Amino acid sequence: MKKTTIIAAILMISASIFVISCGKDKPVSSESNEVLTTTNGQIYVIDTMNSKAEWKGFKVVKSDNTSHIGTLKFESGEVTVKDNKLESGQFVIDMNSIANEDLKETDGNSKLIGHLKSADFFDVEKFPTASYEITKITEAPAGSDYNTVLDGNLTLKGITKPATFNANVKIKDGELSIATEPKDINRDEFGIKFQMPAAEGLIKNEINVQMKVKAIEKK
């Protein structure tokens, strides 16, 4: 009798674990950079009103008349500064804020945004935010158009991948700015695999991304 009771209890616990695990979506495990930065320093808080990420998507023929451009807003973020140098940083992007700048409403702007928010692309209902965490900061090589190289972990649709950006970082009078070089991100690596019929023009796997961040010293 005791043996039957124990077996029944094990089965009930196993069933409970199964229900809990199936009822909750877990982030996709993926590779990332080791965090080598430090948070030892003065905190600067992201000015969300004056910061944005710019994006550009292309059809196979990469030209202006076969592309869409737009923006995303930052939800939150902060960076650490020590001895007037950037030490670390982490930014959260509001995926529901995605906007298009090349189409008018009469040309299907709302339709495009609705499609980008759907499960075909960014699935913002399930993944309302994306993020970028700086893991390493180095000085750019001499002669570069940028003064800093940022290594970090980019998380999109629950998938984290290493991402490196060349950037210009400026710190003056309690304000910090980060302007990254436009960079192509492979959407396929983040599970964004939607493709249009070939007759309508295939969509390139690359999404061009640029971050423009402003932060204010926290008093």
N, C-alpha and C. Protein backbone atom coordinates (compact mmCIF):
# COMPACT_ATOMS: atom_id res chain seq x y z
N MET A 1 0.84 -1.21 0.00
CA MET A 1 0.00 0.00 0.00
C MET A 1 0.87 1.26 0.00
N LYS A 2 1.94 1.20 0.84
CA LYS A 2 2.82 2.36 0.91
C LYS A 2 3.53 2.57 -0.42
N LYS A 3 3.92 1.45 -1.08
CA LYS A 3 4.61 1.54 -2.36
C LYS A 3 3.72 2.19 -3.40
N THR A 4 2.44 1.82 -3.41
CA THR A 4 1.48 2.40 -4.36
C THR A 4 1.32 3.89 -4.11
N THR A 5 1.27 4.28 -2.83
CA THR A 5 1.12 5.69 -2.46
C THR A 5 2.32 6.51 -2.93
N ILE A 6 3.53 5.96 -2.74
CA ILE A 6 4.76 6.66 -3.16
C ILE A 6 4.78 6.84 -4.67
N ILE A 7 4.43 5.79 -5.42
CA ILE A 7 4.41 5.86 -6.89
C ILE A 7 3.41 6.91 -7.35
N ALA A 8 2.24 6.93 -6.71
CA ALA A 8 1.21 7.91 -7.08
C ALA A 8 1.70 9.32 -6.83
N ALA A 9 2.41 9.51 -5.70
CA ALA A 9 2.92 10.85 -5.37
C ALA A 9 3.95 11.30 -6.40
N ILE A 10 4.85 10.39 -6.82
CA ILE A 10 5.86 10.72 -7.83
C ILE A 10 5.22 11.11 -9.14
N LEU A 11 4.18 10.36 -9.52
CA LEU A 11 3.49 10.66 -10.78
C LEU A 11 2.82 12.02 -10.72
N MET A 12 2.24 12.38 -9.56
CA MET A 12 1.58 13.68 -9.41
C MET A 12 2.59 14.81 -9.50
N ILE A 13 3.75 14.63 -8.87
CA ILE A 13 4.80 15.67 -8.91
C ILE A 13 5.30 15.83 -10.33
N SER A 14 5.54 14.71 -11.02
CA SER A 14 6.02 14.76 -12.41
C SER A 14 5.02 15.48 -13.30
N ALA A 15 3.72 15.20 -13.11
CA ALA A 15 2.68 15.85 -13.91
C ALA A 15 2.66 17.33 -13.65
N SER A 16 2.85 17.73 -12.37
CA SER A 16 2.84 19.16 -12.02
C SER A 16 3.99 19.88 -12.69
N ILE A 17 5.18 19.27 -12.66
CA ILE A 17 6.34 19.88 -13.30
C ILE A 17 6.11 20.05 -14.79
N PHE A 18 5.52 19.02 -15.42
CA PHE A 18 5.24 19.08 -16.85
C PHE A 18 4.28 20.22 -17.18
N VAL A 19 3.22 20.38 -16.39
CA VAL A 19 2.24 21.44 -16.63
C VAL A 19 2.88 22.80 -16.49
N ILE A 20 3.69 22.98 -15.43
CA ILE A 20 4.33 24.27 -15.20
C ILE A 20 5.27 24.62 -16.33
N SER A 21 6.11 23.64 -16.76
CA SER A 21 7.08 23.91 -17.82
C SER A 21 6.42 24.18 -19.15
N CYS A 22 5.28 23.53 -19.44
CA CYS A 22 4.60 23.74 -20.71
C CYS A 22 3.82 25.04 -20.72
N GLY A 23 3.44 25.53 -19.55
CA GLY A 23 2.62 26.74 -19.50
C GLY A 23 3.43 28.01 -19.47
N LYS A 24 4.75 27.89 -19.54
CA LYS A 24 5.59 29.07 -19.44
C LYS A 24 6.68 29.01 -20.50
N ASP A 25 6.70 29.99 -21.40
CA ASP A 25 7.72 30.02 -22.44
C ASP A 25 9.05 30.41 -21.83
N LYS A 26 10.10 29.70 -22.19
CA LYS A 26 11.42 30.01 -21.68
C LYS A 26 12.25 30.63 -22.79
N PRO A 27 13.19 31.57 -22.43
CA PRO A 27 14.05 32.15 -23.45
C PRO A 27 14.86 31.07 -24.14
N VAL A 28 15.12 31.27 -25.41
CA VAL A 28 15.94 30.33 -26.17
C VAL A 28 17.38 30.45 -25.70
N SER A 29 18.02 29.34 -25.37
CA SER A 29 19.41 29.39 -24.95
C SER A 29 20.28 29.65 -26.17
N SER A 30 21.29 30.50 -26.01
CA SER A 30 22.15 30.84 -27.12
C SER A 30 23.46 31.38 -26.60
N GLU A 31 24.44 31.54 -27.51
CA GLU A 31 25.75 31.96 -27.06
C GLU A 31 25.78 33.45 -26.71
N SER A 32 26.75 33.82 -25.88
CA SER A 32 26.89 35.23 -25.50
C SER A 32 28.33 35.49 -25.10
N ASN A 33 28.71 36.78 -25.08
CA ASN A 33 30.04 37.17 -24.62
C ASN A 33 30.12 37.13 -23.11
N GLU A 34 31.28 36.82 -22.59
CA GLU A 34 31.51 36.92 -21.15
C GLU A 34 31.59 38.40 -20.78
N VAL A 35 30.94 38.78 -19.67
CA VAL A 35 30.92 40.18 -19.24
C VAL A 35 32.24 40.52 -18.57
N LEU A 36 33.01 41.44 -19.18
CA LEU A 36 34.30 41.86 -18.65
C LEU A 36 34.29 43.29 -18.15
N THR A 37 33.15 43.98 -18.29
CA THR A 37 33.05 45.36 -17.85
C THR A 37 32.78 45.41 -16.34
N THR A 38 32.88 46.61 -15.77
CA THR A 38 32.65 46.80 -14.35
C THR A 38 31.61 47.89 -14.11
N THR A 39 30.86 47.76 -13.03
CA THR A 39 29.86 48.78 -12.69
C THR A 39 30.38 49.71 -11.60
N ASN A 40 31.70 49.72 -11.41
CA ASN A 40 32.33 50.56 -10.40
C ASN A 40 32.55 51.96 -10.97
N GLY A 41 31.66 52.89 -10.63
CA GLY A 41 31.78 54.25 -11.14
C GLY A 41 30.49 55.04 -10.98
N GLN A 42 30.40 56.15 -11.69
CA GLN A 42 29.23 57.01 -11.62
C GLN A 42 28.16 56.54 -12.61
N ILE A 43 26.92 56.45 -12.14
CA ILE A 43 25.82 55.99 -12.98
C ILE A 43 25.27 57.13 -13.83
N TYR A 44 25.05 56.86 -15.11
CA TYR A 44 24.36 57.76 -16.02
C TYR A 44 23.09 57.05 -16.48
N VAL A 45 21.96 57.76 -16.43
CA VAL A 45 20.67 57.17 -16.79
C VAL A 45 20.29 57.59 -18.21
N ILE A 46 19.80 56.63 -19.00
CA ILE A 46 19.43 56.90 -20.38
C ILE A 46 18.30 57.94 -20.45
N ASP A 47 18.49 58.93 -21.30
CA ASP A 47 17.44 59.90 -21.61
C ASP A 47 16.58 59.30 -22.72
N THR A 48 15.49 58.65 -22.33
CA THR A 48 14.69 57.89 -23.30
C THR A 48 14.01 58.79 -24.33
N MET A 49 13.79 60.05 -23.99
CA MET A 49 13.15 60.98 -24.94
C MET A 49 14.09 61.37 -26.07
N ASN A 50 15.40 61.30 -25.81
CA ASN A 50 16.37 61.74 -26.80
C ASN A 50 17.33 60.63 -27.22
N SER A 51 16.90 59.39 -27.06
CA SER A 51 17.68 58.24 -27.51
C SER A 51 16.81 57.38 -28.42
N LYS A 52 17.43 56.71 -29.36
CA LYS A 52 16.67 55.86 -30.27
C LYS A 52 17.59 54.87 -30.96
N ALA A 53 16.98 53.82 -31.47
CA ALA A 53 17.68 52.89 -32.37
C ALA A 53 17.06 53.04 -33.74
N GLU A 54 17.87 53.15 -34.75
CA GLU A 54 17.39 53.27 -36.13
C GLU A 54 17.59 51.94 -36.85
N TRP A 55 16.60 51.55 -37.65
CA TRP A 55 16.70 50.29 -38.39
C TRP A 55 16.41 50.52 -39.87
N LYS A 56 16.94 49.60 -40.67
CA LYS A 56 16.70 49.65 -42.10
C LYS A 56 16.65 48.21 -42.62
N GLY A 57 15.58 47.88 -43.35
CA GLY A 57 15.43 46.55 -43.92
C GLY A 57 15.37 46.63 -45.43
N PHE A 58 15.85 45.61 -46.11
CA PHE A 58 15.98 45.63 -47.57
C PHE A 58 15.35 44.41 -48.22
N LYS A 59 14.92 44.61 -49.45
CA LYS A 59 14.65 43.46 -50.32
C LYS A 59 15.98 43.06 -50.95
N VAL A 60 15.98 42.00 -51.74
CA VAL A 60 17.23 41.46 -52.26
C VAL A 60 18.03 42.50 -53.02
N VAL A 61 17.37 43.32 -53.82
CA VAL A 61 18.07 44.42 -54.50
C VAL A 61 18.22 45.54 -53.47
N LYS A 62 19.43 45.75 -52.96
CA LYS A 62 19.66 46.67 -51.85
C LYS A 62 19.78 48.10 -52.36
N SER A 63 18.66 48.77 -52.49
CA SER A 63 18.64 50.16 -52.90
C SER A 63 17.54 50.88 -52.16
N ASP A 64 17.54 52.22 -52.20
CA ASP A 64 16.60 53.00 -51.40
C ASP A 64 15.14 52.70 -51.72
N ASN A 65 14.83 52.42 -52.99
CA ASN A 65 13.43 52.22 -53.35
C ASN A 65 12.94 50.80 -53.06
N THR A 66 13.80 49.96 -52.49
CA THR A 66 13.36 48.62 -52.10
C THR A 66 13.63 48.40 -50.60
N SER A 67 13.67 49.49 -49.84
CA SER A 67 13.98 49.37 -48.43
C SER A 67 12.94 50.09 -47.58
N HIS A 68 12.91 49.76 -46.29
CA HIS A 68 12.10 50.48 -45.31
C HIS A 68 13.03 50.93 -44.19
N ILE A 69 12.78 52.12 -43.68
CA ILE A 69 13.58 52.65 -42.57
C ILE A 69 12.65 53.04 -41.44
N GLY A 70 13.18 53.01 -40.22
CA GLY A 70 12.35 53.37 -39.08
C GLY A 70 13.15 53.49 -37.80
N THR A 71 12.44 53.58 -36.67
CA THR A 71 13.08 53.79 -35.38
C THR A 71 12.45 52.89 -34.32
N LEU A 72 13.17 52.77 -33.22
CA LEU A 72 12.69 52.11 -32.01
C LEU A 72 13.09 52.98 -30.83
N LYS A 73 12.26 53.02 -29.80
CA LYS A 73 12.56 53.81 -28.61
C LYS A 73 13.19 52.92 -27.52
N PHE A 74 13.97 53.55 -26.68
CA PHE A 74 14.53 52.85 -25.53
C PHE A 74 13.54 52.93 -24.38
N GLU A 75 13.35 51.80 -23.71
CA GLU A 75 12.47 51.75 -22.54
C GLU A 75 13.22 52.19 -21.28
N SER A 76 14.47 51.77 -21.19
CA SER A 76 15.28 52.10 -20.02
C SER A 76 16.74 51.79 -20.33
N GLY A 77 17.60 52.12 -19.37
CA GLY A 77 19.01 51.80 -19.53
C GLY A 77 19.88 52.70 -18.68
N GLU A 78 21.09 52.24 -18.44
CA GLU A 78 22.04 53.05 -17.71
C GLU A 78 23.45 52.62 -18.07
N VAL A 79 24.38 53.55 -17.89
CA VAL A 79 25.79 53.27 -18.15
C VAL A 79 26.59 53.71 -16.93
N THR A 80 27.79 53.17 -16.82
CA THR A 80 28.69 53.54 -15.74
C THR A 80 29.90 54.25 -16.32
N VAL A 81 30.29 55.35 -15.69
CA VAL A 81 31.44 56.14 -16.13
C VAL A 81 32.42 56.27 -14.97
N LYS A 82 33.71 56.07 -15.26
CA LYS A 82 34.74 56.24 -14.24
C LYS A 82 35.94 56.94 -14.86
N ASP A 83 36.43 57.97 -14.20
CA ASP A 83 37.57 58.74 -14.70
C ASP A 83 37.31 59.24 -16.12
N ASN A 84 36.07 59.65 -16.33
CA ASN A 84 35.63 60.20 -17.63
C ASN A 84 35.74 59.18 -18.77
N LYS A 85 35.63 57.90 -18.43
CA LYS A 85 35.63 56.84 -19.43
C LYS A 85 34.44 55.92 -19.21
N LEU A 86 33.86 55.44 -20.30
CA LEU A 86 32.76 54.49 -20.23
C LEU A 86 33.25 53.17 -19.65
N GLU A 87 32.54 52.65 -18.63
CA GLU A 87 32.92 51.42 -17.97
C GLU A 87 31.99 50.25 -18.31
N SER A 88 30.69 50.53 -18.46
CA SER A 88 29.72 49.47 -18.73
C SER A 88 28.42 50.11 -19.19
N GLY A 89 27.48 49.28 -19.60
CA GLY A 89 26.18 49.81 -20.00
C GLY A 89 25.22 48.70 -20.40
N GLN A 90 23.95 48.97 -20.19
CA GLN A 90 22.91 48.04 -20.60
C GLN A 90 21.67 48.83 -21.00
N PHE A 91 21.07 48.47 -22.14
CA PHE A 91 19.94 49.21 -22.69
C PHE A 91 18.79 48.26 -23.00
N VAL A 92 17.58 48.71 -22.71
CA VAL A 92 16.37 47.94 -23.01
C VAL A 92 15.56 48.69 -24.05
N ILE A 93 15.19 48.02 -25.13
CA ILE A 93 14.46 48.64 -26.24
C ILE A 93 13.01 48.19 -26.21
N ASP A 94 12.10 49.14 -26.36
CA ASP A 94 10.66 48.87 -26.40
C ASP A 94 10.27 48.46 -27.81
N MET A 95 10.04 47.17 -28.03
CA MET A 95 9.74 46.69 -29.38
C MET A 95 8.35 47.14 -29.86
N ASN A 96 7.46 47.47 -28.93
CA ASN A 96 6.15 47.99 -29.33
C ASN A 96 6.24 49.39 -29.92
N SER A 97 7.39 50.05 -29.74
CA SER A 97 7.55 51.41 -30.26
C SER A 97 8.02 51.44 -31.70
N ILE A 98 8.15 50.30 -32.34
CA ILE A 98 8.69 50.27 -33.70
C ILE A 98 7.87 51.15 -34.63
N ALA A 99 8.57 51.99 -35.39
CA ALA A 99 7.91 52.95 -36.28
C ALA A 99 8.60 52.94 -37.63
N ASN A 100 7.85 53.29 -38.66
CA ASN A 100 8.36 53.38 -40.02
C ASN A 100 8.36 54.83 -40.46
N GLU A 101 9.40 55.24 -41.21
CA GLU A 101 9.53 56.64 -41.60
C GLU A 101 9.44 56.88 -43.10
N ASP A 102 9.35 55.84 -43.91
CA ASP A 102 9.36 56.06 -45.35
C ASP A 102 7.99 55.90 -46.00
N LEU A 103 7.00 55.38 -45.25
CA LEU A 103 5.66 55.19 -45.81
C LEU A 103 4.66 56.14 -45.16
N LYS A 104 3.75 56.66 -45.96
CA LYS A 104 2.64 57.43 -45.42
C LYS A 104 1.52 56.45 -45.04
N GLU A 105 0.56 56.92 -44.27
CA GLU A 105 -0.54 56.07 -43.86
C GLU A 105 -1.30 55.53 -45.06
N THR A 106 -1.45 56.37 -46.08
CA THR A 106 -2.17 55.95 -47.28
C THR A 106 -1.40 54.92 -48.09
N ASP A 107 -0.09 54.79 -47.81
CA ASP A 107 0.74 53.82 -48.53
C ASP A 107 0.91 52.51 -47.76
N GLY A 108 0.18 52.38 -46.65
CA GLY A 108 0.21 51.12 -45.91
C GLY A 108 1.13 51.09 -44.71
N ASN A 109 1.38 52.26 -44.10
CA ASN A 109 2.26 52.32 -42.93
C ASN A 109 1.77 51.41 -41.80
N SER A 110 0.50 51.54 -41.43
CA SER A 110 -0.04 50.75 -40.31
C SER A 110 0.01 49.25 -40.61
N LYS A 111 -0.23 48.89 -41.86
CA LYS A 111 -0.17 47.48 -42.25
C LYS A 111 1.23 46.93 -42.07
N LEU A 112 2.23 47.72 -42.48
CA LEU A 112 3.62 47.29 -42.33
C LEU A 112 3.98 47.13 -40.85
N ILE A 113 3.63 48.12 -40.03
CA ILE A 113 3.96 48.06 -38.60
C ILE A 113 3.28 46.86 -37.94
N GLY A 114 2.01 46.64 -38.30
CA GLY A 114 1.29 45.49 -37.75
C GLY A 114 1.97 44.18 -38.10
N HIS A 115 2.48 44.09 -39.32
CA HIS A 115 3.16 42.87 -39.76
C HIS A 115 4.50 42.70 -39.02
N LEU A 116 5.24 43.80 -38.85
CA LEU A 116 6.51 43.73 -38.14
C LEU A 116 6.32 43.32 -36.68
N LYS A 117 5.20 43.71 -36.08
CA LYS A 117 4.92 43.36 -34.69
C LYS A 117 4.41 41.92 -34.54
N SER A 118 4.00 41.32 -35.63
CA SER A 118 3.40 39.98 -35.58
C SER A 118 4.46 38.90 -35.39
N ALA A 119 3.99 37.67 -35.22
CA ALA A 119 4.89 36.53 -35.04
C ALA A 119 5.75 36.25 -36.27
N ASP A 120 5.37 36.79 -37.43
CA ASP A 120 6.19 36.63 -38.64
C ASP A 120 7.55 37.29 -38.46
N PHE A 121 7.57 38.38 -37.66
CA PHE A 121 8.81 39.13 -37.47
C PHE A 121 9.21 39.16 -35.99
N PHE A 122 8.86 40.24 -35.28
CA PHE A 122 9.39 40.43 -33.93
C PHE A 122 8.51 39.90 -32.81
N ASP A 123 7.28 39.52 -33.11
CA ASP A 123 6.38 38.89 -32.13
C ASP A 123 6.39 39.68 -30.81
N VAL A 124 6.01 40.97 -30.89
CA VAL A 124 6.16 41.85 -29.74
C VAL A 124 5.22 41.51 -28.58
N GLU A 125 4.13 40.81 -28.86
CA GLU A 125 3.25 40.41 -27.76
C GLU A 125 3.96 39.43 -26.84
N LYS A 126 4.74 38.56 -27.41
CA LYS A 126 5.48 37.55 -26.64
C LYS A 126 6.83 38.08 -26.18
N PHE A 127 7.45 38.93 -27.00
CA PHE A 127 8.77 39.48 -26.68
C PHE A 127 8.70 41.00 -26.78
N PRO A 128 8.17 41.69 -25.77
CA PRO A 128 7.95 43.15 -25.85
C PRO A 128 9.21 43.99 -25.78
N THR A 129 10.34 43.40 -25.38
CA THR A 129 11.58 44.17 -25.30
C THR A 129 12.73 43.41 -25.95
N ALA A 130 13.73 44.19 -26.35
CA ALA A 130 15.02 43.66 -26.77
C ALA A 130 16.06 44.35 -25.89
N SER A 131 17.28 43.86 -25.88
CA SER A 131 18.28 44.50 -25.02
C SER A 131 19.68 44.35 -25.59
N TYR A 132 20.55 45.26 -25.13
CA TYR A 132 21.97 45.17 -25.48
C TYR A 132 22.78 45.45 -24.22
N GLU A 133 23.64 44.51 -23.85
CA GLU A 133 24.51 44.67 -22.69
C GLU A 133 25.96 44.73 -23.15
N ILE A 134 26.64 45.80 -22.77
CA ILE A 134 28.05 45.94 -23.12
C ILE A 134 28.87 45.01 -22.23
N THR A 135 29.72 44.20 -22.85
CA THR A 135 30.53 43.25 -22.10
C THR A 135 32.02 43.60 -22.10
N LYS A 136 32.44 44.42 -23.07
CA LYS A 136 33.85 44.79 -23.16
C LYS A 136 33.96 46.11 -23.91
N ILE A 137 34.86 46.96 -23.47
CA ILE A 137 35.05 48.28 -24.08
C ILE A 137 36.53 48.46 -24.38
N THR A 138 36.85 48.74 -25.64
CA THR A 138 38.24 48.96 -26.02
C THR A 138 38.36 50.20 -26.88
N GLU A 139 39.54 50.76 -26.90
CA GLU A 139 39.79 51.94 -27.74
C GLU A 139 39.90 51.51 -29.19
N ALA A 140 39.29 52.27 -30.08
CA ALA A 140 39.32 51.94 -31.51
C ALA A 140 40.74 52.12 -32.05
N PRO A 141 41.09 51.38 -33.11
CA PRO A 141 42.42 51.54 -33.72
C PRO A 141 42.65 52.96 -34.22
N ALA A 142 43.88 53.38 -34.25
CA ALA A 142 44.24 54.71 -34.76
C ALA A 142 43.78 54.86 -36.21
N GLY A 143 43.25 56.01 -36.54
CA GLY A 143 42.80 56.27 -37.90
C GLY A 143 41.35 55.90 -38.14
N SER A 144 40.70 55.30 -37.16
CA SER A 144 39.29 54.91 -37.31
C SER A 144 38.40 56.14 -37.23
N ASP A 145 37.22 56.06 -37.83
CA ASP A 145 36.23 57.14 -37.73
C ASP A 145 35.52 57.11 -36.37
N TYR A 146 35.79 56.08 -35.57
CA TYR A 146 35.14 55.91 -34.27
C TYR A 146 36.21 55.80 -33.19
N ASN A 147 35.87 56.21 -31.96
CA ASN A 147 36.88 56.20 -30.90
C ASN A 147 36.80 54.99 -29.98
N THR A 148 35.74 54.17 -30.13
CA THR A 148 35.51 53.08 -29.19
C THR A 148 34.96 51.85 -29.91
N VAL A 149 35.31 50.67 -29.41
CA VAL A 149 34.73 49.42 -29.88
C VAL A 149 33.96 48.79 -28.72
N LEU A 150 32.67 48.54 -28.95
CA LEU A 150 31.82 47.96 -27.93
C LEU A 150 31.52 46.50 -28.28
N ASP A 151 31.93 45.58 -27.42
CA ASP A 151 31.50 44.19 -27.54
C ASP A 151 30.33 44.02 -26.58
N GLY A 152 29.36 43.21 -26.98
CA GLY A 152 28.21 43.03 -26.10
C GLY A 152 27.34 41.87 -26.49
N ASN A 153 26.24 41.72 -25.76
CA ASN A 153 25.26 40.68 -26.01
C ASN A 153 23.94 41.32 -26.42
N LEU A 154 23.50 40.99 -27.62
CA LEU A 154 22.23 41.49 -28.15
C LEU A 154 21.18 40.40 -27.98
N THR A 155 20.07 40.75 -27.33
CA THR A 155 18.97 39.80 -27.13
C THR A 155 17.74 40.28 -27.89
N LEU A 156 17.25 39.42 -28.76
CA LEU A 156 16.09 39.73 -29.59
C LEU A 156 15.24 38.47 -29.73
N LYS A 157 13.97 38.58 -29.46
CA LYS A 157 13.05 37.43 -29.48
C LYS A 157 13.54 36.30 -28.57
N GLY A 158 14.11 36.66 -27.42
CA GLY A 158 14.54 35.67 -26.46
C GLY A 158 15.84 34.98 -26.81
N ILE A 159 16.50 35.41 -27.89
CA ILE A 159 17.75 34.79 -28.33
C ILE A 159 18.88 35.78 -28.14
N THR A 160 19.96 35.36 -27.51
CA THR A 160 21.10 36.22 -27.24
C THR A 160 22.28 35.82 -28.11
N LYS A 161 22.87 36.82 -28.77
CA LYS A 161 24.03 36.60 -29.63
C LYS A 161 25.06 37.70 -29.38
N PRO A 162 26.35 37.39 -29.52
CA PRO A 162 27.37 38.44 -29.42
C PRO A 162 27.22 39.45 -30.55
N ALA A 163 27.44 40.73 -30.24
CA ALA A 163 27.36 41.78 -31.26
C ALA A 163 28.37 42.87 -30.93
N THR A 164 29.17 43.22 -31.92
CA THR A 164 30.20 44.25 -31.75
C THR A 164 29.85 45.47 -32.57
N PHE A 165 29.96 46.65 -31.94
CA PHE A 165 29.67 47.91 -32.63
C PHE A 165 30.87 48.84 -32.50
N ASN A 166 31.28 49.47 -33.61
CA ASN A 166 32.14 50.63 -33.53
C ASN A 166 31.28 51.80 -33.08
N ALA A 167 31.83 52.67 -32.25
CA ALA A 167 31.01 53.75 -31.71
C ALA A 167 31.85 54.98 -31.40
N ASN A 168 31.20 56.12 -31.42
CA ASN A 168 31.79 57.35 -30.90
C ASN A 168 31.15 57.63 -29.55
N VAL A 169 31.97 57.66 -28.51
CA VAL A 169 31.50 57.92 -27.15
C VAL A 169 32.04 59.28 -26.70
N LYS A 170 31.12 60.13 -26.23
CA LYS A 170 31.51 61.46 -25.74
C LYS A 170 30.94 61.67 -24.35
N ILE A 171 31.76 62.19 -23.44
CA ILE A 171 31.34 62.48 -22.08
C ILE A 171 31.77 63.90 -21.73
N LYS A 172 30.79 64.73 -21.38
CA LYS A 172 31.11 66.13 -21.06
C LYS A 172 29.99 66.74 -20.22
N ASP A 173 30.38 67.42 -19.14
CA ASP A 173 29.44 68.19 -18.31
C ASP A 173 28.23 67.36 -17.87
N GLY A 174 28.48 66.16 -17.42
CA GLY A 174 27.39 65.34 -16.89
C GLY A 174 26.50 64.72 -17.93
N GLU A 175 26.91 64.76 -19.19
CA GLU A 175 26.14 64.13 -20.26
C GLU A 175 27.04 63.16 -21.04
N LEU A 176 26.44 62.08 -21.49
CA LEU A 176 27.16 61.08 -22.26
C LEU A 176 26.38 60.76 -23.52
N SER A 177 27.09 60.58 -24.61
CA SER A 177 26.43 60.16 -25.86
C SER A 177 27.19 58.98 -26.46
N ILE A 178 26.43 58.07 -27.03
CA ILE A 178 26.98 56.93 -27.75
C ILE A 178 26.30 56.87 -29.11
N ALA A 179 27.07 56.95 -30.17
CA ALA A 179 26.54 56.83 -31.53
C ALA A 179 27.28 55.70 -32.22
N THR A 180 26.58 54.61 -32.50
CA THR A 180 27.24 53.45 -33.10
C THR A 180 27.25 53.55 -34.62
N GLU A 181 28.19 52.86 -35.20
CA GLU A 181 28.24 52.72 -36.66
C GLU A 181 27.08 51.84 -37.11
N PRO A 182 26.39 52.18 -38.21
CA PRO A 182 25.34 51.28 -38.72
C PRO A 182 25.91 49.89 -38.95
N LYS A 183 25.18 48.87 -38.47
CA LYS A 183 25.70 47.50 -38.53
C LYS A 183 24.60 46.56 -39.00
N ASP A 184 24.94 45.61 -39.87
CA ASP A 184 23.99 44.60 -40.32
C ASP A 184 23.89 43.48 -39.30
N ILE A 185 22.65 43.17 -38.90
CA ILE A 185 22.35 42.06 -38.00
C ILE A 185 21.61 40.99 -38.82
N ASN A 186 22.03 39.75 -38.69
CA ASN A 186 21.39 38.65 -39.41
C ASN A 186 20.11 38.24 -38.66
N ARG A 187 18.95 38.59 -39.21
CA ARG A 187 17.68 38.31 -38.53
C ARG A 187 17.42 36.81 -38.39
N ASP A 188 17.97 36.03 -39.28
CA ASP A 188 17.77 34.58 -39.23
C ASP A 188 18.34 33.99 -37.93
N GLU A 189 19.40 34.59 -37.40
CA GLU A 189 20.01 34.11 -36.17
C GLU A 189 19.11 34.33 -34.96
N PHE A 190 18.15 35.23 -35.10
CA PHE A 190 17.23 35.54 -34.00
C PHE A 190 15.83 34.97 -34.26
N GLY A 191 15.75 34.01 -35.14
CA GLY A 191 14.49 33.32 -35.39
C GLY A 191 13.49 34.09 -36.21
N ILE A 192 13.95 35.13 -36.94
CA ILE A 192 13.05 35.92 -37.79
C ILE A 192 13.24 35.41 -39.21
N LYS A 193 12.42 34.44 -39.60
CA LYS A 193 12.65 33.72 -40.84
C LYS A 193 11.59 33.97 -41.92
N PHE A 194 10.66 34.90 -41.66
CA PHE A 194 9.59 35.14 -42.64
C PHE A 194 10.18 35.56 -43.99
N GLN A 195 9.57 35.06 -45.06
CA GLN A 195 10.01 35.42 -46.40
C GLN A 195 8.80 35.60 -47.30
N MET A 196 8.82 36.65 -48.10
CA MET A 196 7.74 36.92 -49.04
C MET A 196 7.87 36.02 -50.26
N PRO A 197 6.78 35.88 -51.04
CA PRO A 197 6.90 35.16 -52.31
C PRO A 197 7.95 35.82 -53.20
N ALA A 198 8.70 35.02 -53.93
CA ALA A 198 9.79 35.54 -54.75
C ALA A 198 9.32 36.62 -55.72
N ALA A 199 8.09 36.49 -56.22
CA ALA A 199 7.56 37.45 -57.18
C ALA A 199 7.42 38.85 -56.58
N GLU A 200 7.30 38.93 -55.24
CA GLU A 200 7.14 40.22 -54.57
C GLU A 200 8.47 40.78 -54.08
N GLY A 201 9.53 40.05 -54.30
CA GLY A 201 10.85 40.52 -53.90
C GLY A 201 11.27 39.93 -52.57
N LEU A 202 12.26 39.06 -52.58
CA LEU A 202 12.72 38.43 -51.35
C LEU A 202 13.32 39.45 -50.39
N ILE A 203 13.09 39.23 -49.09
CA ILE A 203 13.61 40.14 -48.07
C ILE A 203 14.99 39.65 -47.64
N LYS A 204 15.95 40.57 -47.59
CA LYS A 204 17.30 40.19 -47.18
C LYS A 204 17.31 39.77 -45.71
N ASN A 205 18.24 38.90 -45.37
CA ASN A 205 18.37 38.46 -43.98
C ASN A 205 18.95 39.55 -43.08
N GLU A 206 19.66 40.52 -43.68
CA GLU A 206 20.31 41.55 -42.89
C GLU A 206 19.34 42.69 -42.55
N ILE A 207 19.34 43.07 -41.27
CA ILE A 207 18.66 44.28 -40.81
C ILE A 207 19.76 45.23 -40.34
N ASN A 208 19.78 46.43 -40.89
CA ASN A 208 20.81 47.40 -40.51
C ASN A 208 20.36 48.16 -39.26
N VAL A 209 21.22 48.20 -38.25
CA VAL A 209 20.86 48.79 -36.96
C VAL A 209 21.91 49.82 -36.54
N GLN A 210 21.43 50.93 -35.99
CA GLN A 210 22.31 51.95 -35.44
C GLN A 210 21.69 52.50 -34.15
N MET A 211 22.49 52.60 -33.09
CA MET A 211 22.00 53.12 -31.82
C MET A 211 22.52 54.54 -31.58
N LYS A 212 21.64 55.41 -31.13
CA LYS A 212 22.00 56.78 -30.77
C LYS A 212 21.48 57.02 -29.35
N VAL A 213 22.41 56.99 -28.41
CA VAL A 213 22.05 57.01 -26.99
C VAL A 213 22.55 58.28 -26.33
N LYS A 214 21.69 58.89 -25.51
CA LYS A 214 22.09 60.00 -24.65
C LYS A 214 21.76 59.63 -23.21
N ALA A 215 22.67 59.96 -22.30
CA ALA A 215 22.47 59.62 -20.89
C ALA A 215 22.89 60.81 -20.02
N ILE A 216 22.21 60.94 -18.88
CA ILE A 216 22.44 62.04 -17.96
C ILE A 216 22.97 61.50 -16.63
N GLU A 217 23.97 62.18 -16.07
CA GLU A 217 24.56 61.74 -14.80
C GLU A 217 23.51 61.71 -13.71
N LYS A 218 23.44 60.60 -13.00
CA LYS A 218 22.48 60.44 -11.91
C LYS A 218 22.99 61.14 -10.67
N LYS A 219 22.23 62.08 -10.15
CA LYS A 219 22.62 62.86 -8.98
C LYS A 219 22.30 62.12 -7.68
